[in-house]
Amino acid sequence: MTNIPILTGARDLLSAYDVALCDVWGVVHNGQAHYAAACDALIRFRAGGGRVVLVTNAPRPNAPVREQLDALAVPREAFDDIVTSGDVTLAFIAAHGNAPVHHIGPQRDLTLFEILKSQTGHAPPLVALEDASYIVATGLYDDDDTPDQYAEALALMHARDLDFISANPDLIVHVGEKMLYCSGAIAECYAKIGGRVIQAGKPYAPIYDRALTLAQTLLGRAVGKDKVIAIGDAIRTDVKGACDFGVDALFITSGVHRDELHPGAAFDEAAFHKLVASVESQPRAAMTALRW
């Protein structure tokens, strides 16, 4: 058994912090509907003087993510601003200048390049894999694809020694009851064959640096990491990212790990303790769902 508390409400814990870096998918919504209790908790935290920056591995810049939150009826009062893996990816693409790039992902994610052009006046040419200088992956081409379908393409990338920028380090995401693979799953396959992967989002430092800088701007002062808590539903990205960055983490058990920790919808406390005991990165506390 671990000594990590399993909370029924977040009020007492959150009151010790000035900033919450909160995950989106699996904590605030499930891709089909928002979680009212989670939104209420964030609203109450902000009402007490805290600042909430939503930090998501969504491969799109923050404007489309904000539109998605509006469509899912997430109250604007629940957060101050948003930082996405797509925002960080834009900076990585800009660093490559006008070098031709091959995009892996659904057509809807091409907004990434459109936004880059609107911000900078130009975007790199999108080309076939054989002509690319590097790769940007925002997801899989089709929601029903699996990573093993990309083995031939990954072998070609490796043979050409191409950088692989993963705009979403997540392995999977749940849309309602359906599980979809993310670009992180392809990136993992590329790394296993010796490919060079550049990760834009959680658990890597660039997205946390960007989010904390934004939170300090919102507060108008510097914030010590002891006054920052990250909230998320994935041990591999949210909890590890928070620990590596030096801030506390509140782990929400009913998101990415729900099949393991909530079989038949009931919370399996023994499975929870087994999971957290198996990893180095430990959350400060856990909840089955975010609520005040």
C-alpha atoms as a PDB file:
ATOM      1  CA  MET A   1       0.000   0.000   0.000  1.00  0.00           C
ATOM      2  CA  THR A   2       1.201   3.512  -0.802  1.00  0.00           C
ATOM      3  CA  ASN A   3       0.555   6.517   1.413  1.00  0.00           C
ATOM      4  CA  ILE A   4      -0.906   8.665  -1.369  1.00  0.00           C
ATOM      5  CA  PRO A   5      -4.234  10.097  -0.149  1.00  0.00           C
ATOM      6  CA  ILE A   6      -7.345   9.462  -2.229  1.00  0.00           C
ATOM      7  CA  LEU A   7      -9.442  12.592  -1.862  1.00  0.00           C
ATOM      8  CA  THR A   8     -13.181  13.061  -2.154  1.00  0.00           C
ATOM      9  CA  GLY A   9     -12.793  16.816  -2.641  1.00  0.00           C
ATOM     10  CA  ALA A  10      -9.953  19.048  -3.811  1.00  0.00           C
ATOM     11  CA  ARG A  11     -10.699  22.216  -1.817  1.00  0.00           C
ATOM     12  CA  ASP A  12      -8.240  21.739   1.033  1.00  0.00           C
ATOM     13  CA  LEU A  13      -5.454  20.574  -1.270  1.00  0.00           C
ATOM     14  CA  LEU A  14      -5.860  23.276  -3.907  1.00  0.00           C
ATOM     15  CA  SER A  15      -6.016  26.054  -1.315  1.00  0.00           C
ATOM     16  CA  ALA A  16      -2.259  25.601  -0.770  1.00  0.00           C
ATOM     17  CA  TYR A  17      -1.439  26.617  -4.358  1.00  0.00           C
ATOM     18  CA  ASP A  18      -1.525  29.773  -6.473  1.00  0.00           C
ATOM     19  CA  VAL A  19      -1.481  28.103  -9.887  1.00  0.00           C
ATOM     20  CA  ALA A  20      -3.122  24.986 -11.310  1.00  0.00           C
ATOM     21  CA  LEU A  21      -1.762  23.580 -14.569  1.00  0.00           C
ATOM     22  CA  CYS A  22      -4.746  21.455 -15.501  1.00  0.00           C
ATOM     23  CA  ASP A  23      -5.004  18.762 -18.143  1.00  0.00           C
ATOM     24  CA  VAL A  24      -8.060  18.916 -20.388  1.00  0.00           C
ATOM     25  CA  TRP A  25      -9.078  15.608 -21.972  1.00  0.00           C
ATOM     26  CA  GLY A  26      -9.977  13.128 -19.221  1.00  0.00           C
ATOM     27  CA  VAL A  27     -10.173  15.799 -16.522  1.00  0.00           C
ATOM     28  CA  VAL A  28     -12.324  18.645 -17.875  1.00  0.00           C
ATOM     29  CA  HIS A  29     -14.121  16.695 -20.629  1.00  0.00           C
ATOM     30  CA  ASN A  30     -14.171  13.322 -22.396  1.00  0.00           C
ATOM     31  CA  GLY A  31     -14.334  14.559 -25.970  1.00  0.00           C
ATOM     32  CA  GLN A  32     -18.126  14.461 -26.006  1.00  0.00           C
ATOM     33  CA  ALA A  33     -19.243  16.359 -22.908  1.00  0.00           C
ATOM     34  CA  HIS A  34     -17.701  18.497 -20.180  1.00  0.00           C
ATOM     35  CA  TYR A  35     -17.446  17.382 -16.553  1.00  0.00           C
ATOM     36  CA  ALA A  36     -19.533  19.864 -14.574  1.00  0.00           C
ATOM     37  CA  ALA A  37     -17.975  19.045 -11.191  1.00  0.00           C
ATOM     38  CA  ALA A  38     -14.438  19.533 -12.548  1.00  0.00           C
ATOM     39  CA  CYS A  39     -15.338  22.861 -14.125  1.00  0.00           C
ATOM     40  CA  ASP A  40     -16.953  23.967 -10.865  1.00  0.00           C
ATOM     41  CA  ALA A  41     -13.796  23.071  -8.925  1.00  0.00           C
ATOM     42  CA  LEU A  42     -11.648  25.180 -11.259  1.00  0.00           C
ATOM     43  CA  ILE A  43     -14.104  28.081 -11.057  1.00  0.00           C
ATOM     44  CA  ARG A  44     -13.964  27.962  -7.248  1.00  0.00           C
ATOM     45  CA  PHE A  45     -10.156  27.800  -7.275  1.00  0.00           C
ATOM     46  CA  ARG A  46     -10.041  30.901  -9.456  1.00  0.00           C
ATOM     47  CA  ALA A  47     -12.593  32.663  -7.249  1.00  0.00           C
ATOM     48  CA  GLY A  48     -10.169  32.192  -4.359  1.00  0.00           C
ATOM     49  CA  GLY A  49      -7.404  33.984  -6.250  1.00  0.00           C
ATOM     50  CA  GLY A  50      -5.801  31.058  -8.054  1.00  0.00           C
ATOM     51  CA  ARG A  51      -4.946  31.005 -11.733  1.00  0.00           C
ATOM     52  CA  VAL A  52      -5.753  28.084 -14.019  1.00  0.00           C
ATOM     53  CA  VAL A  53      -3.776  27.394 -17.172  1.00  0.00           C
ATOM     54  CA  LEU A  54      -5.109  24.461 -19.152  1.00  0.00           C
ATOM     55  CA  VAL A  55      -2.158  22.402 -20.396  1.00  0.00           C
ATOM     56  CA  THR A  56      -3.037  19.887 -23.062  1.00  0.00           C
ATOM     57  CA  ASN A  57      -1.252  17.596 -25.457  1.00  0.00           C
ATOM     58  CA  ALA A  58      -3.717  18.576 -28.174  1.00  0.00           C
ATOM     59  CA  PRO A  59      -1.658  18.872 -31.369  1.00  0.00           C
ATOM     60  CA  ARG A  60      -3.500  22.027 -32.460  1.00  0.00           C
ATOM     61  CA  PRO A  61      -2.720  25.583 -31.294  1.00  0.00           C
ATOM     62  CA  ASN A  62      -4.832  27.009 -28.495  1.00  0.00           C
ATOM     63  CA  ALA A  63      -7.459  28.834 -30.609  1.00  0.00           C
ATOM     64  CA  PRO A  64      -9.064  25.649 -32.045  1.00  0.00           C
ATOM     65  CA  VAL A  65      -8.879  24.011 -28.609  1.00  0.00           C
ATOM     66  CA  ARG A  66     -10.722  26.998 -27.120  1.00  0.00           C
ATOM     67  CA  GLU A  67     -13.403  26.563 -29.783  1.00  0.00           C
ATOM     68  CA  GLN A  68     -13.706  22.887 -28.871  1.00  0.00           C
ATOM     69  CA  LEU A  69     -14.119  23.775 -25.190  1.00  0.00           C
ATOM     70  CA  ASP A  70     -16.853  26.245 -26.111  1.00  0.00           C
ATOM     71  CA  ALA A  71     -18.615  23.560 -28.152  1.00  0.00           C
ATOM     72  CA  LEU A  72     -18.489  21.228 -25.128  1.00  0.00           C
ATOM     73  CA  ALA A  73     -19.914  23.995 -22.893  1.00  0.00           C
ATOM     74  CA  VAL A  74     -16.817  24.300 -20.724  1.00  0.00           C
ATOM     75  CA  PRO A  75     -17.359  27.626 -18.914  1.00  0.00           C
ATOM     76  CA  ARG A  76     -14.818  30.308 -19.766  1.00  0.00           C
ATOM     77  CA  GLU A  77     -14.779  31.072 -16.017  1.00  0.00           C
ATOM     78  CA  ALA A  78     -13.098  27.697 -15.409  1.00  0.00           C
ATOM     79  CA  PHE A  79      -9.720  28.775 -16.793  1.00  0.00           C
ATOM     80  CA  ASP A  80      -7.526  31.776 -17.476  1.00  0.00           C
ATOM     81  CA  ASP A  81      -5.677  30.578 -20.565  1.00  0.00           C
ATOM     82  CA  ILE A  82      -4.567  27.536 -22.548  1.00  0.00           C
ATOM     83  CA  VAL A  83      -1.198  26.137 -23.597  1.00  0.00           C
ATOM     84  CA  THR A  84      -1.186  23.274 -26.075  1.00  0.00           C
ATOM     85  CA  SER A  85       1.350  20.888 -27.457  1.00  0.00           C
ATOM     86  CA  GLY A  86       0.427  22.453 -30.790  1.00  0.00           C
ATOM     87  CA  ASP A  87       1.662  25.846 -29.550  1.00  0.00           C
ATOM     88  CA  VAL A  88       5.050  24.327 -28.733  1.00  0.00           C
ATOM     89  CA  THR A  89       5.067  22.457 -32.045  1.00  0.00           C
ATOM     90  CA  LEU A  90       4.669  25.758 -33.902  1.00  0.00           C
ATOM     91  CA  ALA A  91       7.902  26.964 -32.323  1.00  0.00           C
ATOM     92  CA  PHE A  92       9.676  23.747 -33.322  1.00  0.00           C
ATOM     93  CA  ILE A  93       8.459  24.074 -36.930  1.00  0.00           C
ATOM     94  CA  ALA A  94       9.495  27.731 -37.053  1.00  0.00           C
ATOM     95  CA  ALA A  95      12.986  26.701 -35.945  1.00  0.00           C
ATOM     96  CA  HIS A  96      13.238  24.544 -39.102  1.00  0.00           C
ATOM     97  CA  GLY A  97      12.609  27.574 -41.316  1.00  0.00           C
ATOM     98  CA  ASN A  98      11.313  26.762 -44.795  1.00  0.00           C
ATOM     99  CA  ALA A  99      12.611  23.190 -44.888  1.00  0.00           C
ATOM    100  CA  PRO A 100      10.007  20.904 -46.516  1.00  0.00           C
ATOM    101  CA  VAL A 101       7.998  18.837 -44.056  1.00  0.00           C
ATOM    102  CA  HIS A 102       5.859  15.713 -44.260  1.00  0.00           C
ATOM    103  CA  HIS A 103       2.739  15.749 -42.075  1.00  0.00           C
ATOM    104  CA  ILE A 104       1.283  12.632 -40.458  1.00  0.00           C
ATOM    105  CA  GLY A 105      -2.194  13.146 -39.064  1.00  0.00           C
ATOM    106  CA  PRO A 106      -5.803  13.887 -39.978  1.00  0.00           C
ATOM    107  CA  GLN A 107      -6.704  16.673 -42.389  1.00  0.00           C
ATOM    108  CA  ARG A 108      -8.270  18.697 -39.568  1.00  0.00           C
ATOM    109  CA  ASP A 109      -4.835  19.172 -38.003  1.00  0.00           C
ATOM    110  CA  LEU A 110      -3.547  21.098 -41.019  1.00  0.00           C
ATOM    111  CA  THR A 111      -4.838  24.157 -39.166  1.00  0.00           C
ATOM    112  CA  LEU A 112      -1.461  23.970 -37.401  1.00  0.00           C
ATOM    113  CA  PHE A 113       0.287  25.142 -40.561  1.00  0.00           C
ATOM    114  CA  GLU A 114      -2.441  27.645 -41.432  1.00  0.00           C
ATOM    115  CA  ILE A 115      -2.051  29.302 -38.041  1.00  0.00           C
ATOM    116  CA  LEU A 116       1.730  29.357 -38.404  1.00  0.00           C
ATOM    117  CA  LYS A 117       1.308  31.188 -41.719  1.00  0.00           C
ATOM    118  CA  SER A 118      -1.116  33.676 -40.175  1.00  0.00           C
ATOM    119  CA  GLN A 119       1.364  34.347 -37.350  1.00  0.00           C
ATOM    120  CA  THR A 120       4.597  34.547 -39.329  1.00  0.00           C
ATOM    121  CA  GLY A 121       3.550  35.177 -42.927  1.00  0.00           C
ATOM    122  CA  HIS A 122       4.853  31.844 -44.157  1.00  0.00           C
ATOM    123  CA  ALA A 123       4.682  28.095 -43.565  1.00  0.00           C
ATOM    124  CA  PRO A 124       6.969  25.302 -44.764  1.00  0.00           C
ATOM    125  CA  PRO A 125       5.952  23.378 -47.894  1.00  0.00           C
ATOM    126  CA  LEU A 126       4.062  20.153 -47.188  1.00  0.00           C
ATOM    127  CA  VAL A 127       5.588  17.347 -49.240  1.00  0.00           C
ATOM    128  CA  ALA A 128       5.615  13.573 -49.655  1.00  0.00           C
ATOM    129  CA  LEU A 129       7.709  11.554 -47.242  1.00  0.00           C
ATOM    130  CA  GLU A 130      10.367  10.914 -49.887  1.00  0.00           C
ATOM    131  CA  ASP A 131      10.952  14.675 -50.300  1.00  0.00           C
ATOM    132  CA  ALA A 132      10.747  15.766 -46.654  1.00  0.00           C
ATOM    133  CA  SER A 133      13.537  17.148 -44.495  1.00  0.00           C
ATOM    134  CA  TYR A 134      11.680  16.245 -41.308  1.00  0.00           C
ATOM    135  CA  ILE A 135       8.346  14.912 -40.020  1.00  0.00           C
ATOM    136  CA  VAL A 136       5.567  16.495 -37.989  1.00  0.00           C
ATOM    137  CA  ALA A 137       3.026  14.029 -36.573  1.00  0.00           C
ATOM    138  CA  THR A 138      -0.178  15.358 -35.029  1.00  0.00           C
ATOM    139  CA  GLY A 139      -1.932  12.000 -34.911  1.00  0.00           C
ATOM    140  CA  LEU A 140      -2.729   9.052 -37.124  1.00  0.00           C
ATOM    141  CA  TYR A 141      -4.241   9.613 -40.552  1.00  0.00           C
ATOM    142  CA  ASP A 142      -7.511   7.947 -39.610  1.00  0.00           C
ATOM    143  CA  ASP A 143      -9.144   7.431 -36.216  1.00  0.00           C
ATOM    144  CA  ASP A 144      -9.316   3.679 -36.848  1.00  0.00           C
ATOM    145  CA  ASP A 145      -5.604   3.349 -37.684  1.00  0.00           C
ATOM    146  CA  THR A 146      -3.156   1.510 -35.431  1.00  0.00           C
ATOM    147  CA  PRO A 147       0.582   2.258 -35.041  1.00  0.00           C
ATOM    148  CA  ASP A 148       1.687  -0.992 -36.686  1.00  0.00           C
ATOM    149  CA  GLN A 149       0.256   0.255 -39.982  1.00  0.00           C
ATOM    150  CA  TYR A 150       3.075   2.839 -40.081  1.00  0.00           C
ATOM    151  CA  ALA A 151       6.014   0.420 -39.843  1.00  0.00           C
ATOM    152  CA  GLU A 152       7.058   0.773 -43.495  1.00  0.00           C
ATOM    153  CA  ALA A 153       6.924   4.577 -43.380  1.00  0.00           C
ATOM    154  CA  LEU A 154       8.889   4.665 -40.125  1.00  0.00           C
ATOM    155  CA  ALA A 155      11.573   2.443 -41.614  1.00  0.00           C
ATOM    156  CA  LEU A 156      11.932   4.874 -44.528  1.00  0.00           C
ATOM    157  CA  MET A 157      12.154   7.839 -42.136  1.00  0.00           C
ATOM    158  CA  HIS A 158      14.855   6.079 -40.156  1.00  0.00           C
ATOM    159  CA  ALA A 159      16.799   5.189 -43.294  1.00  0.00           C
ATOM    160  CA  ARG A 160      16.759   8.883 -44.224  1.00  0.00           C
ATOM    161  CA  ASP A 161      17.663   9.928 -40.639  1.00  0.00           C
ATOM    162  CA  LEU A 162      14.716  12.325 -40.343  1.00  0.00           C
ATOM    163  CA  ASP A 163      13.734  14.210 -37.202  1.00  0.00           C
ATOM    164  CA  PHE A 164      10.249  13.224 -36.008  1.00  0.00           C
ATOM    165  CA  ILE A 165       8.375  15.993 -34.188  1.00  0.00           C
ATOM    166  CA  SER A 166       5.491  14.536 -32.195  1.00  0.00           C
ATOM    167  CA  ALA A 167       2.850  17.174 -31.552  1.00  0.00           C
ATOM    168  CA  ASN A 168       1.063  14.959 -29.036  1.00  0.00           C
ATOM    169  CA  PRO A 169       3.161  12.671 -26.796  1.00  0.00           C
ATOM    170  CA  ASP A 170       0.015  10.896 -25.524  1.00  0.00           C
ATOM    171  CA  LEU A 171      -0.262   7.246 -26.547  1.00  0.00           C
ATOM    172  CA  ILE A 172      -4.061   7.021 -26.453  1.00  0.00           C
ATOM    173  CA  VAL A 173      -7.132   9.106 -25.763  1.00  0.00           C
ATOM    174  CA  HIS A 174     -10.720   8.118 -24.987  1.00  0.00           C
ATOM    175  CA  VAL A 175     -13.503   9.730 -26.999  1.00  0.00           C
ATOM    176  CA  GLY A 176     -16.530   8.696 -25.011  1.00  0.00           C
ATOM    177  CA  GLU A 177     -16.167   4.923 -24.848  1.00  0.00           C
ATOM    178  CA  LYS A 178     -13.855   4.664 -27.865  1.00  0.00           C
ATOM    179  CA  MET A 179     -10.068   4.512 -27.578  1.00  0.00           C
ATOM    180  CA  LEU A 180      -7.972   6.252 -30.242  1.00  0.00           C
ATOM    181  CA  TYR A 181      -4.208   6.220 -30.750  1.00  0.00           C
ATOM    182  CA  CYS A 182      -2.261   9.502 -30.650  1.00  0.00           C
ATOM    183  CA  SER A 183       0.946  10.556 -32.381  1.00  0.00           C
ATOM    184  CA  GLY A 184       2.909   9.589 -29.281  1.00  0.00           C
ATOM    185  CA  ALA A 185       2.201   5.952 -30.122  1.00  0.00           C
ATOM    186  CA  ILE A 186       3.875   6.337 -33.532  1.00  0.00           C
ATOM    187  CA  ALA A 187       6.720   8.322 -31.984  1.00  0.00           C
ATOM    188  CA  GLU A 188       7.322   5.487 -29.532  1.00  0.00           C
ATOM    189  CA  CYS A 189       7.584   3.040 -32.432  1.00  0.00           C
ATOM    190  CA  TYR A 190      10.050   5.340 -34.221  1.00  0.00           C
ATOM    191  CA  ALA A 191      12.206   5.683 -31.111  1.00  0.00           C
ATOM    192  CA  LYS A 192      12.278   1.896 -30.708  1.00  0.00           C
ATOM    193  CA  ILE A 193      13.902   1.488 -34.135  1.00  0.00           C
ATOM    194  CA  GLY A 194      16.442   4.194 -33.335  1.00  0.00           C
ATOM    195  CA  GLY A 195      14.663   7.211 -34.795  1.00  0.00           C
ATOM    196  CA  ARG A 196      15.201  10.720 -33.431  1.00  0.00           C
ATOM    197  CA  VAL A 197      12.019  12.031 -31.744  1.00  0.00           C
ATOM    198  CA  ILE A 198      11.327  15.596 -30.599  1.00  0.00           C
ATOM    199  CA  GLN A 199       8.373  15.770 -28.211  1.00  0.00           C
ATOM    200  CA  ALA A 200       6.361  18.990 -27.911  1.00  0.00           C
ATOM    201  CA  GLY A 201       4.036  18.278 -25.000  1.00  0.00           C
ATOM    202  CA  LYS A 202       3.813  16.593 -21.616  1.00  0.00           C
ATOM    203  CA  PRO A 203       5.825  15.135 -19.919  1.00  0.00           C
ATOM    204  CA  TYR A 204       8.578  17.273 -21.471  1.00  0.00           C
ATOM    205  CA  ALA A 205       9.770  20.593 -20.082  1.00  0.00           C
ATOM    206  CA  PRO A 206       9.006  23.065 -22.935  1.00  0.00           C
ATOM    207  CA  ILE A 207       5.243  22.983 -22.432  1.00  0.00           C
ATOM    208  CA  TYR A 208       5.581  23.439 -18.647  1.00  0.00           C
ATOM    209  CA  ASP A 209       8.002  26.319 -19.064  1.00  0.00           C
ATOM    210  CA  ARG A 210       5.535  28.025 -21.398  1.00  0.00           C
ATOM    211  CA  ALA A 211       2.570  27.411 -19.064  1.00  0.00           C
ATOM    212  CA  LEU A 212       4.334  28.649 -15.914  1.00  0.00           C
ATOM    213  CA  THR A 213       5.575  31.778 -17.685  1.00  0.00           C
ATOM    214  CA  LEU A 214       1.998  32.481 -18.771  1.00  0.00           C
ATOM    215  CA  ALA A 215       0.670  31.886 -15.239  1.00  0.00           C
ATOM    216  CA  GLN A 216       3.207  34.317 -13.782  1.00  0.00           C
ATOM    217  CA  THR A 217       2.139  36.922 -16.319  1.00  0.00           C
ATOM    218  CA  LEU A 218      -1.476  36.396 -15.332  1.00  0.00           C
ATOM    219  CA  LEU A 219      -0.625  36.843 -11.636  1.00  0.00           C
ATOM    220  CA  GLY A 220       1.725  39.738 -12.289  1.00  0.00           C
ATOM    221  CA  ARG A 221       4.477  38.196 -10.166  1.00  0.00           C
ATOM    222  CA  ALA A 222       6.864  35.294  -9.917  1.00  0.00           C
ATOM    223  CA  VAL A 223       5.482  32.018  -8.584  1.00  0.00           C
ATOM    224  CA  GLY A 224       7.566  29.410  -6.798  1.00  0.00           C
ATOM    225  CA  LYS A 225       7.122  25.843  -7.962  1.00  0.00           C
ATOM    226  CA  ASP A 226       5.963  24.942  -4.466  1.00  0.00           C
ATOM    227  CA  LYS A 227       2.868  27.023  -5.235  1.00  0.00           C
ATOM    228  CA  VAL A 228       2.081  25.205  -8.476  1.00  0.00           C
ATOM    229  CA  ILE A 229       0.076  21.996  -8.848  1.00  0.00           C
ATOM    230  CA  ALA A 230      -0.518  20.001 -12.007  1.00  0.00           C
ATOM    231  CA  ILE A 231      -3.793  18.106 -12.431  1.00  0.00           C
ATOM    232  CA  GLY A 232      -4.012  15.221 -14.879  1.00  0.00           C
ATOM    233  CA  ASP A 233      -5.212  11.726 -15.640  1.00  0.00           C
ATOM    234  CA  ALA A 234      -2.094  10.037 -17.051  1.00  0.00           C
ATOM    235  CA  ILE A 235       0.800   8.733 -14.974  1.00  0.00           C
ATOM    236  CA  ARG A 236       3.129   8.649 -18.008  1.00  0.00           C
ATOM    237  CA  THR A 237       2.571  12.255 -19.077  1.00  0.00           C
ATOM    238  CA  ASP A 238       0.782  14.329 -16.426  1.00  0.00           C
ATOM    239  CA  VAL A 239       2.261  12.923 -13.225  1.00  0.00           C
ATOM    240  CA  LYS A 240       5.738  12.254 -14.601  1.00  0.00           C
ATOM    241  CA  GLY A 241       5.815  15.657 -16.301  1.00  0.00           C
ATOM    242  CA  ALA A 242       4.858  17.436 -13.098  1.00  0.00           C
ATOM    243  CA  CYS A 243       7.420  15.551 -11.034  1.00  0.00           C
ATOM    244  CA  ASP A 244      10.180  16.113 -13.582  1.00  0.00           C
ATOM    245  CA  PHE A 245       9.319  19.832 -13.645  1.00  0.00           C
ATOM    246  CA  GLY A 246       9.408  20.012  -9.855  1.00  0.00           C
ATOM    247  CA  VAL A 247       5.746  20.626  -9.035  1.00  0.00           C
ATOM    248  CA  ASP A 248       3.126  18.564  -7.211  1.00  0.00           C
ATOM    249  CA  ALA A 249       0.569  16.488  -9.101  1.00  0.00           C
ATOM    250  CA  LEU A 250      -3.073  15.611  -8.466  1.00  0.00           C
ATOM    251  CA  PHE A 251      -3.850  12.366 -10.298  1.00  0.00           C
ATOM    252  CA  ILE A 252      -7.376  11.829 -11.678  1.00  0.00           C
ATOM    253  CA  THR A 253      -7.909   8.076 -11.895  1.00  0.00           C
ATOM    254  CA  SER A 254     -10.921   7.825 -14.212  1.00  0.00           C
ATOM    255  CA  GLY A 255      -9.296   9.122 -17.402  1.00  0.00           C
ATOM    256  CA  VAL A 256      -6.572   7.302 -19.356  1.00  0.00           C
ATOM    257  CA  HIS A 257      -6.280   4.618 -16.661  1.00  0.00           C
ATOM    258  CA  ARG A 258     -10.002   4.024 -16.265  1.00  0.00           C
ATOM    259  CA  ASP A 259     -10.020   0.471 -17.694  1.00  0.00           C
ATOM    260  CA  GLU A 260      -7.305  -0.503 -15.221  1.00  0.00           C
ATOM    261  CA  LEU A 261      -8.525   1.449 -12.192  1.00  0.00           C
ATOM    262  CA  HIS A 262     -12.296   1.531 -12.744  1.00  0.00           C
ATOM    263  CA  PRO A 263     -13.277  -1.920 -14.024  1.00  0.00           C
ATOM    264  CA  GLY A 264     -17.027  -2.043 -14.260  1.00  0.00           C
ATOM    265  CA  ALA A 265     -17.029   1.680 -13.310  1.00  0.00           C
ATOM    266  CA  ALA A 266     -16.144   0.975  -9.656  1.00  0.00           C
ATOM    267  CA  PHE A 267     -12.833   2.329  -8.354  1.00  0.00           C
ATOM    268  CA  ASP A 268     -10.323  -0.451  -7.645  1.00  0.00           C
ATOM    269  CA  GLU A 269      -8.174   0.923  -4.834  1.00  0.00           C
ATOM    270  CA  ALA A 270      -5.863  -2.085  -4.818  1.00  0.00           C
ATOM    271  CA  ALA A 271      -5.168  -1.610  -8.525  1.00  0.00           C
ATOM    272  CA  PHE A 272      -4.466   2.069  -7.861  1.00  0.00           C
ATOM    273  CA  HIS A 273      -1.865   1.321  -5.205  1.00  0.00           C
ATOM    274  CA  LYS A 274      -0.288  -1.313  -7.459  1.00  0.00           C
ATOM    275  CA  LEU A 275      -0.041   1.191 -10.321  1.00  0.00           C
ATOM    276  CA  VAL A 276       1.544   4.024  -8.354  1.00  0.00           C
ATOM    277  CA  ALA A 277       3.915   1.620  -6.575  1.00  0.00           C
ATOM    278  CA  SER A 278       5.210   0.518  -9.990  1.00  0.00           C
ATOM    279  CA  VAL A 279       6.356   3.984 -11.097  1.00  0.00           C
ATOM    280  CA  GLU A 280       8.959   6.418  -9.857  1.00  0.00           C
ATOM    281  CA  SER A 281       6.842   9.557 -10.326  1.00  0.00           C
ATOM    282  CA  GLN A 282       4.410   9.866  -7.431  1.00  0.00           C
ATOM    283  CA  PRO A 283       1.365  12.169  -7.264  1.00  0.00           C
ATOM    284  CA  ARG A 284       0.764  14.336  -4.219  1.00  0.00           C
ATOM    285  CA  ALA A 285      -2.809  13.012  -4.069  1.00  0.00           C
ATOM    286  CA  ALA A 286      -5.426  11.268  -6.203  1.00  0.00           C
ATOM    287  CA  MET A 287      -9.143  11.596  -6.930  1.00  0.00           C
ATOM    288  CA  THR A 288     -11.491   9.479  -8.983  1.00  0.00           C
ATOM    289  CA  ALA A 289     -12.698  12.708 -10.644  1.00  0.00           C
ATOM    290  CA  LEU A 290     -11.944  16.362 -10.054  1.00  0.00           C
ATOM    291  CA  ARG A 291     -14.466  17.984  -7.736  1.00  0.00           C
ATOM    292  CA  TRP A 292     -14.376  20.744  -5.136  1.00  0.00           C
END
